[in-house]
Amino acid sequence: MPVITPRVAARAIAAGRRATLAVPLALHVSARIAERDAAEFVYDPTQLANALRDLIDAIDPDGVPVCDSDVLLADCACAAELVTSTQLRASVEATRRLRASYGDRIALVAALPGPAAIASQTGTAYDAAADALLALGKELLGAGADVLVVHDGAHDETRAPGAPLTTLANVARFRQAAALSHATQRYGLPATVPLDLRAPAHVPGVAVTPAVLPRDTDIALLSDWVAVVRG
C-alpha cells in the first residue's frame, strides 16, 4: 500500500478526495524556536526557511505556512507592491528551498490576503485586488506551494463583493494544489477547517488553527494538536 505523504494528501484534497492535513498557523512560533527577530525573519529567505525547518523538527506537522497574509500586506501602498515586495520574495525563495529539502514529506501552505484585505489596505477596486491575489498565488505555486489559503480576516467586505476567484482556483488545480478560503466558504472556494488549539479533532480537509498563533504559543500544546488532528 503506498505511503500517503503530506504532499500526496494535499493533492488528494485538491482533487476533492478525503484526506487530512494538520497545519497550525505557526509562522511566528517558528521564529521563537529558531531565536529569530520577530519583525525581521520574514524578510530574509534563509532565516525564514531555517525557522520553518526548526518548526518541522519541533512539532512534526503535516504542513507549514510559508507566509502570513498580514506580513504580505505590510507597507504595501498599492496592489502592485504586493508582488514586488521583499517579504514575498523571501517567502517564494523559502518555499523553493523547503520543497527541495523535504520533497513530498511536508505540505507548504501559503496564507494570502483576500480581495477585501487587499482592497482595504491599498484602496484598489475588487478586480485589481483579485488580480494582485492571483499574482501572489502564481508566484507561490510556481515555487512549490501545495495549498493557498485566502484570508480576509476582519477587513471590510463591502470593498470586495465576493465574486468567485475562478482563475485562482483553476491555476491551483492545474498545479495539483488546493485553493481554499480561511474558515468559511467564500469567493467560490472551499474552506479550511479551523480547530482551536485546545480542542483538536481528527477531521478531513486542511485543518488549521483559527488564527495565526502568537510567538509564545506552548510548543507541547502545539505538538499535541498536530498529533490529534492527524489521528
C-alpha atoms as a PDB file:
ATOM      1  CA  MET A   1       0.000   0.000   0.000  1.00  0.00           C
ATOM      2  CA  PRO A   2       1.517   3.365  -0.997  1.00  0.00           C
ATOM      3  CA  VAL A   3       2.564   5.783   1.734  1.00  0.00           C
ATOM      4  CA  ILE A   4       0.307   8.834   1.991  1.00  0.00           C
ATOM      5  CA  THR A   5       2.774  11.680   2.422  1.00  0.00           C
ATOM      6  CA  PRO A   6       1.599  15.183   3.300  1.00  0.00           C
ATOM      7  CA  ARG A   7       2.057  16.396  -0.261  1.00  0.00           C
ATOM      8  CA  VAL A   8       0.101  13.421  -1.602  1.00  0.00           C
ATOM      9  CA  ALA A   9      -2.636  14.226   0.926  1.00  0.00           C
ATOM     10  CA  ALA A  10      -2.655  17.850  -0.233  1.00  0.00           C
ATOM     11  CA  ARG A  11      -3.108  16.710  -3.822  1.00  0.00           C
ATOM     12  CA  ALA A  12      -5.924  14.385  -2.772  1.00  0.00           C
ATOM     13  CA  ILE A  13      -7.703  17.274  -1.060  1.00  0.00           C
ATOM     14  CA  ALA A  14      -7.181  19.426  -4.149  1.00  0.00           C
ATOM     15  CA  ALA A  15      -8.838  16.689  -6.223  1.00  0.00           C
ATOM     16  CA  GLY A  16     -11.819  16.509  -3.871  1.00  0.00           C
ATOM     17  CA  ARG A  17     -10.827  13.274  -2.165  1.00  0.00           C
ATOM     18  CA  ARG A  18     -10.865  12.602   1.562  1.00  0.00           C
ATOM     19  CA  ALA A  19      -7.585  13.268   3.358  1.00  0.00           C
ATOM     20  CA  THR A  20      -6.319  15.255   6.333  1.00  0.00           C
ATOM     21  CA  LEU A  21      -3.554  17.818   6.743  1.00  0.00           C
ATOM     22  CA  ALA A  22      -2.633  19.252  10.151  1.00  0.00           C
ATOM     23  CA  VAL A  23      -1.304  22.760   9.517  1.00  0.00           C
ATOM     24  CA  PRO A  24      -1.030  25.041  12.547  1.00  0.00           C
ATOM     25  CA  LEU A  25      -0.623  28.691  11.547  1.00  0.00           C
ATOM     26  CA  ALA A  26       2.608  28.885  13.490  1.00  0.00           C
ATOM     27  CA  LEU A  27       4.865  31.026  11.332  1.00  0.00           C
ATOM     28  CA  HIS A  28       5.742  33.349  14.199  1.00  0.00           C
ATOM     29  CA  VAL A  29       6.221  30.444  16.604  1.00  0.00           C
ATOM     30  CA  SER A  30       8.924  29.197  14.251  1.00  0.00           C
ATOM     31  CA  ALA A  31      10.827  32.458  14.757  1.00  0.00           C
ATOM     32  CA  ARG A  32      10.869  31.896  18.503  1.00  0.00           C
ATOM     33  CA  ILE A  33      12.084  28.310  18.161  1.00  0.00           C
ATOM     34  CA  ALA A  34      14.875  29.487  15.846  1.00  0.00           C
ATOM     35  CA  GLU A  35      15.587  32.510  18.070  1.00  0.00           C
ATOM     36  CA  ARG A  36      14.963  34.927  15.209  1.00  0.00           C
ATOM     37  CA  ASP A  37      13.812  38.515  15.440  1.00  0.00           C
ATOM     38  CA  ALA A  38      10.023  38.590  15.263  1.00  0.00           C
ATOM     39  CA  ALA A  39       9.870  41.532  12.875  1.00  0.00           C
ATOM     40  CA  GLU A  40      12.794  40.728  10.582  1.00  0.00           C
ATOM     41  CA  PHE A  41      12.912  36.999   9.834  1.00  0.00           C
ATOM     42  CA  VAL A  42      10.072  37.134   7.290  1.00  0.00           C
ATOM     43  CA  TYR A  43      12.176  39.427   5.081  1.00  0.00           C
ATOM     44  CA  ASP A  44      15.125  37.045   4.868  1.00  0.00           C
ATOM     45  CA  PRO A  45      14.660  33.755   2.955  1.00  0.00           C
ATOM     46  CA  THR A  46      17.455  31.990   4.809  1.00  0.00           C
ATOM     47  CA  GLN A  47      16.106  32.914   8.243  1.00  0.00           C
ATOM     48  CA  LEU A  48      12.560  32.086   7.169  1.00  0.00           C
ATOM     49  CA  ALA A  49      13.433  28.681   5.702  1.00  0.00           C
ATOM     50  CA  ASN A  50      15.613  27.756   8.677  1.00  0.00           C
ATOM     51  CA  ALA A  51      12.929  28.801  11.163  1.00  0.00           C
ATOM     52  CA  LEU A  52      10.344  26.651   9.390  1.00  0.00           C
ATOM     53  CA  ARG A  53      12.763  23.707   9.413  1.00  0.00           C
ATOM     54  CA  ASP A  54      13.073  24.150  13.179  1.00  0.00           C
ATOM     55  CA  LEU A  55       9.273  24.203  13.458  1.00  0.00           C
ATOM     56  CA  ILE A  56       9.040  20.963  11.467  1.00  0.00           C
ATOM     57  CA  ASP A  57      11.632  19.333  13.720  1.00  0.00           C
ATOM     58  CA  ALA A  58       9.855  20.545  16.874  1.00  0.00           C
ATOM     59  CA  ILE A  59       6.226  19.567  16.190  1.00  0.00           C
ATOM     60  CA  ASP A  60       6.240  17.306  13.087  1.00  0.00           C
ATOM     61  CA  PRO A  61       3.280  18.949  11.323  1.00  0.00           C
ATOM     62  CA  ASP A  62       1.816  17.824   8.013  1.00  0.00           C
ATOM     63  CA  GLY A  63       2.287  21.310   6.648  1.00  0.00           C
ATOM     64  CA  VAL A  64       3.771  24.687   7.491  1.00  0.00           C
ATOM     65  CA  PRO A  65       2.750  28.236   6.500  1.00  0.00           C
ATOM     66  CA  VAL A  66       5.417  29.782   4.283  1.00  0.00           C
ATOM     67  CA  CYS A  67       3.922  33.257   4.590  1.00  0.00           C
ATOM     68  CA  ASP A  68       1.349  35.272   6.503  1.00  0.00           C
ATOM     69  CA  SER A  69      -1.355  37.423   4.937  1.00  0.00           C
ATOM     70  CA  ASP A  70      -0.742  40.421   7.206  1.00  0.00           C
ATOM     71  CA  VAL A  71       3.009  40.260   6.620  1.00  0.00           C
ATOM     72  CA  LEU A  72       2.498  40.204   2.850  1.00  0.00           C
ATOM     73  CA  LEU A  73       0.351  43.347   3.118  1.00  0.00           C
ATOM     74  CA  ALA A  74       2.746  45.208   5.395  1.00  0.00           C
ATOM     75  CA  ASP A  75       3.957  48.538   3.979  1.00  0.00           C
ATOM     76  CA  CYS A  76       2.280  47.914   0.610  1.00  0.00           C
ATOM     77  CA  ALA A  77       0.609  51.146  -0.509  1.00  0.00           C
ATOM     78  CA  CYS A  78      -0.760  49.744  -3.766  1.00  0.00           C
ATOM     79  CA  ALA A  79      -1.666  46.348  -5.171  1.00  0.00           C
ATOM     80  CA  ALA A  80       1.362  46.295  -7.476  1.00  0.00           C
ATOM     81  CA  GLU A  81       3.727  46.499  -4.493  1.00  0.00           C
ATOM     82  CA  LEU A  82       2.387  43.185  -3.194  1.00  0.00           C
ATOM     83  CA  VAL A  83       4.075  41.244  -5.991  1.00  0.00           C
ATOM     84  CA  THR A  84       7.390  43.101  -5.806  1.00  0.00           C
ATOM     85  CA  SER A  85       7.789  43.200  -2.031  1.00  0.00           C
ATOM     86  CA  THR A  86      10.789  41.902  -0.123  1.00  0.00           C
ATOM     87  CA  GLN A  87       8.555  39.762   2.068  1.00  0.00           C
ATOM     88  CA  LEU A  88       7.029  37.991  -0.941  1.00  0.00           C
ATOM     89  CA  ARG A  89      10.465  37.345  -2.445  1.00  0.00           C
ATOM     90  CA  ALA A  90      11.586  35.850   0.887  1.00  0.00           C
ATOM     91  CA  SER A  91       8.513  33.588   1.056  1.00  0.00           C
ATOM     92  CA  VAL A  92       8.923  32.418  -2.532  1.00  0.00           C
ATOM     93  CA  GLU A  93      12.602  31.582  -2.054  1.00  0.00           C
ATOM     94  CA  ALA A  94      11.954  29.863   1.292  1.00  0.00           C
ATOM     95  CA  THR A  95       9.237  27.794  -0.396  1.00  0.00           C
ATOM     96  CA  ARG A  96      11.667  26.694  -3.116  1.00  0.00           C
ATOM     97  CA  ARG A  97      14.264  25.696  -0.536  1.00  0.00           C
ATOM     98  CA  LEU A  98      11.825  23.756   1.622  1.00  0.00           C
ATOM     99  CA  ARG A  99      10.370  21.972  -1.408  1.00  0.00           C
ATOM    100  CA  ALA A 100      13.892  20.924  -2.453  1.00  0.00           C
ATOM    101  CA  SER A 101      14.779  19.800   1.077  1.00  0.00           C
ATOM    102  CA  TYR A 102      11.622  17.918   2.028  1.00  0.00           C
ATOM    103  CA  GLY A 103      10.068  16.769  -1.237  1.00  0.00           C
ATOM    104  CA  ASP A 104       6.694  15.154  -0.511  1.00  0.00           C
ATOM    105  CA  ARG A 105       7.324  14.924   3.241  1.00  0.00           C
ATOM    106  CA  ILE A 106       5.809  18.318   4.017  1.00  0.00           C
ATOM    107  CA  ALA A 107       2.923  20.344   2.607  1.00  0.00           C
ATOM    108  CA  LEU A 108       3.727  24.006   2.011  1.00  0.00           C
ATOM    109  CA  VAL A 109       0.844  26.359   2.713  1.00  0.00           C
ATOM    110  CA  ALA A 110       0.655  29.986   1.588  1.00  0.00           C
ATOM    111  CA  ALA A 111      -1.661  32.176   3.682  1.00  0.00           C
ATOM    112  CA  LEU A 112      -2.607  35.036   1.349  1.00  0.00           C
ATOM    113  CA  PRO A 113      -4.580  38.251   1.870  1.00  0.00           C
ATOM    114  CA  GLY A 114      -8.003  38.097   0.260  1.00  0.00           C
ATOM    115  CA  PRO A 115      -9.530  40.701  -2.045  1.00  0.00           C
ATOM    116  CA  ALA A 116     -11.216  42.574   0.819  1.00  0.00           C
ATOM    117  CA  ALA A 117      -7.931  42.813   2.732  1.00  0.00           C
ATOM    118  CA  ILE A 118      -6.023  43.972  -0.344  1.00  0.00           C
ATOM    119  CA  ALA A 119      -8.729  46.493  -1.260  1.00  0.00           C
ATOM    120  CA  SER A 120      -8.840  47.886   2.286  1.00  0.00           C
ATOM    121  CA  GLN A 121      -5.048  48.173   2.523  1.00  0.00           C
ATOM    122  CA  THR A 122      -4.387  49.655  -0.900  1.00  0.00           C
ATOM    123  CA  GLY A 123      -7.605  51.437  -1.816  1.00  0.00           C
ATOM    124  CA  THR A 124      -7.974  49.437  -5.033  1.00  0.00           C
ATOM    125  CA  ALA A 125     -11.140  48.071  -6.614  1.00  0.00           C
ATOM    126  CA  TYR A 126     -12.122  44.420  -6.326  1.00  0.00           C
ATOM    127  CA  ASP A 127     -10.850  43.460  -9.793  1.00  0.00           C
ATOM    128  CA  ALA A 128      -7.400  44.928  -9.125  1.00  0.00           C
ATOM    129  CA  ALA A 129      -7.287  43.275  -5.704  1.00  0.00           C
ATOM    130  CA  ALA A 130      -8.255  39.914  -7.210  1.00  0.00           C
ATOM    131  CA  ASP A 131      -5.564  40.322  -9.886  1.00  0.00           C
ATOM    132  CA  ALA A 132      -2.955  41.007  -7.204  1.00  0.00           C
ATOM    133  CA  LEU A 133      -4.069  37.922  -5.285  1.00  0.00           C
ATOM    134  CA  LEU A 134      -3.790  35.850  -8.455  1.00  0.00           C
ATOM    135  CA  ALA A 135      -0.243  37.112  -8.982  1.00  0.00           C
ATOM    136  CA  LEU A 136       0.681  36.176  -5.397  1.00  0.00           C
ATOM    137  CA  GLY A 137      -0.804  32.729  -5.848  1.00  0.00           C
ATOM    138  CA  LYS A 138       1.054  32.101  -9.117  1.00  0.00           C
ATOM    139  CA  GLU A 139       4.374  33.090  -7.557  1.00  0.00           C
ATOM    140  CA  LEU A 140       3.992  30.732  -4.611  1.00  0.00           C
ATOM    141  CA  LEU A 141       2.522  27.859  -6.603  1.00  0.00           C
ATOM    142  CA  GLY A 142       5.427  28.143  -9.015  1.00  0.00           C
ATOM    143  CA  ALA A 143       7.834  27.855  -6.082  1.00  0.00           C
ATOM    144  CA  GLY A 144       6.162  24.662  -4.856  1.00  0.00           C
ATOM    145  CA  ALA A 145       3.278  25.635  -2.577  1.00  0.00           C
ATOM    146  CA  ASP A 146       0.620  22.930  -2.191  1.00  0.00           C
ATOM    147  CA  VAL A 147      -2.203  24.932  -0.598  1.00  0.00           C
ATOM    148  CA  LEU A 148      -3.302  28.552  -0.945  1.00  0.00           C
ATOM    149  CA  VAL A 149      -5.406  29.878   1.938  1.00  0.00           C
ATOM    150  CA  VAL A 150      -7.199  33.152   1.191  1.00  0.00           C
ATOM    151  CA  HIS A 151      -7.761  35.117   4.385  1.00  0.00           C
ATOM    152  CA  ASP A 152      -9.691  38.374   4.661  1.00  0.00           C
ATOM    153  CA  GLY A 153      -9.947  38.465   8.437  1.00  0.00           C
ATOM    154  CA  ALA A 154     -11.922  41.421   9.742  1.00  0.00           C
ATOM    155  CA  HIS A 155     -11.440  43.584   6.652  1.00  0.00           C
ATOM    156  CA  ASP A 156     -14.475  45.386   5.251  1.00  0.00           C
ATOM    157  CA  GLU A 157     -16.123  43.001   2.814  1.00  0.00           C
ATOM    158  CA  THR A 158     -18.057  45.806   1.123  1.00  0.00           C
ATOM    159  CA  ARG A 159     -14.784  46.687  -0.625  1.00  0.00           C
ATOM    160  CA  ALA A 160     -14.836  43.251  -2.245  1.00  0.00           C
ATOM    161  CA  PRO A 161     -18.292  41.983  -3.245  1.00  0.00           C
ATOM    162  CA  GLY A 162     -17.267  38.346  -3.272  1.00  0.00           C
ATOM    163  CA  ALA A 163     -17.113  37.427  -6.954  1.00  0.00           C
ATOM    164  CA  PRO A 164     -15.665  33.916  -7.448  1.00  0.00           C
ATOM    165  CA  LEU A 165     -11.895  33.585  -7.674  1.00  0.00           C
ATOM    166  CA  THR A 166     -12.283  31.154 -10.544  1.00  0.00           C
ATOM    167  CA  THR A 167      -8.926  31.803 -12.196  1.00  0.00           C
ATOM    168  CA  LEU A 168      -7.027  31.363  -8.932  1.00  0.00           C
ATOM    169  CA  ALA A 169      -8.820  28.060  -8.324  1.00  0.00           C
ATOM    170  CA  ASN A 170      -8.077  26.891 -11.875  1.00  0.00           C
ATOM    171  CA  VAL A 171      -4.390  27.775 -11.656  1.00  0.00           C
ATOM    172  CA  ALA A 172      -4.104  25.931  -8.344  1.00  0.00           C
ATOM    173  CA  ARG A 173      -5.908  22.899  -9.777  1.00  0.00           C
ATOM    174  CA  PHE A 174      -3.522  22.845 -12.750  1.00  0.00           C
ATOM    175  CA  ARG A 175      -0.642  22.686 -10.253  1.00  0.00           C
ATOM    176  CA  GLN A 176      -2.391  19.884  -8.303  1.00  0.00           C
ATOM    177  CA  ALA A 177      -2.748  22.314  -5.418  1.00  0.00           C
ATOM    178  CA  ALA A 178      -5.746  23.437  -3.376  1.00  0.00           C
ATOM    179  CA  ALA A 179      -7.109  26.984  -3.224  1.00  0.00           C
ATOM    180  CA  LEU A 180      -9.170  27.463  -0.073  1.00  0.00           C
ATOM    181  CA  SER A 181     -10.819  30.208   1.923  1.00  0.00           C
ATOM    182  CA  HIS A 182      -9.911  30.532   5.581  1.00  0.00           C
ATOM    183  CA  ALA A 183     -12.584  29.126   7.919  1.00  0.00           C
ATOM    184  CA  THR A 184     -15.667  29.817   5.773  1.00  0.00           C
ATOM    185  CA  GLN A 185     -16.520  29.265   2.117  1.00  0.00           C
ATOM    186  CA  ARG A 186     -16.079  32.496   0.186  1.00  0.00           C
ATOM    187  CA  TYR A 187     -15.320  33.580  -3.359  1.00  0.00           C
ATOM    188  CA  GLY A 188     -16.374  30.158  -4.639  1.00  0.00           C
ATOM    189  CA  LEU A 189     -13.575  28.439  -2.701  1.00  0.00           C
ATOM    190  CA  PRO A 190     -13.985  25.561  -0.242  1.00  0.00           C
ATOM    191  CA  ALA A 191     -12.942  26.288   3.324  1.00  0.00           C
ATOM    192  CA  THR A 192     -10.210  25.184   5.651  1.00  0.00           C
ATOM    193  CA  VAL A 193     -11.281  23.531   8.921  1.00  0.00           C
ATOM    194  CA  PRO A 194     -10.415  25.766  11.890  1.00  0.00           C
ATOM    195  CA  LEU A 195      -9.705  23.896  15.123  1.00  0.00           C
ATOM    196  CA  ASP A 196      -8.900  25.586  18.401  1.00  0.00           C
ATOM    197  CA  LEU A 197      -5.523  24.729  19.871  1.00  0.00           C
ATOM    198  CA  ARG A 198      -7.224  23.321  22.981  1.00  0.00           C
ATOM    199  CA  ALA A 199      -9.958  21.435  21.110  1.00  0.00           C
ATOM    200  CA  PRO A 200      -8.325  19.470  18.288  1.00  0.00           C
ATOM    201  CA  ALA A 201     -10.058  16.661  16.427  1.00  0.00           C
ATOM    202  CA  HIS A 202      -9.300  14.330  13.558  1.00  0.00           C
ATOM    203  CA  VAL A 203     -11.189  15.780  10.602  1.00  0.00           C
ATOM    204  CA  PRO A 204     -10.941  15.567   6.817  1.00  0.00           C
ATOM    205  CA  GLY A 205      -9.556  18.571   4.962  1.00  0.00           C
ATOM    206  CA  VAL A 206      -6.889  21.152   5.695  1.00  0.00           C
ATOM    207  CA  ALA A 207      -7.122  21.688   9.452  1.00  0.00           C
ATOM    208  CA  VAL A 208      -5.684  24.978  10.672  1.00  0.00           C
ATOM    209  CA  THR A 209      -5.724  26.996  13.856  1.00  0.00           C
ATOM    210  CA  PRO A 210      -8.469  29.654  13.765  1.00  0.00           C
ATOM    211  CA  ALA A 211      -5.914  32.469  13.753  1.00  0.00           C
ATOM    212  CA  VAL A 212      -2.191  32.987  13.375  1.00  0.00           C
ATOM    213  CA  LEU A 213      -0.606  31.727  16.582  1.00  0.00           C
ATOM    214  CA  PRO A 214       1.369  34.144  18.762  1.00  0.00           C
ATOM    215  CA  ARG A 215       5.107  33.765  19.153  1.00  0.00           C
ATOM    216  CA  ASP A 216       4.842  32.496  22.748  1.00  0.00           C
ATOM    217  CA  THR A 217       2.484  29.571  21.963  1.00  0.00           C
ATOM    218  CA  ASP A 218       3.262  26.484  24.051  1.00  0.00           C
ATOM    219  CA  ILE A 219       5.205  24.003  21.907  1.00  0.00           C
ATOM    220  CA  ALA A 220       3.931  20.918  23.736  1.00  0.00           C
ATOM    221  CA  LEU A 221       0.327  22.050  23.217  1.00  0.00           C
ATOM    222  CA  LEU A 222       1.061  22.674  19.556  1.00  0.00           C
ATOM    223  CA  SER A 223       2.629  19.248  19.143  1.00  0.00           C
ATOM    224  CA  ASP A 224      -0.394  17.597  20.787  1.00  0.00           C
ATOM    225  CA  TRP A 225      -2.727  19.497  18.444  1.00  0.00           C
ATOM    226  CA  VAL A 226      -0.874  18.125  15.431  1.00  0.00           C
ATOM    227  CA  ALA A 227      -0.954  14.563  16.755  1.00  0.00           C
ATOM    228  CA  VAL A 228      -4.707  14.594  17.456  1.00  0.00           C
ATOM    229  CA  VAL A 229      -5.643  16.251  14.147  1.00  0.00           C
ATOM    230  CA  ARG A 230      -3.510  13.792  12.226  1.00  0.00           C
ATOM    231  CA  GLY A 231      -5.257  10.903  14.002  1.00  0.00           C
END
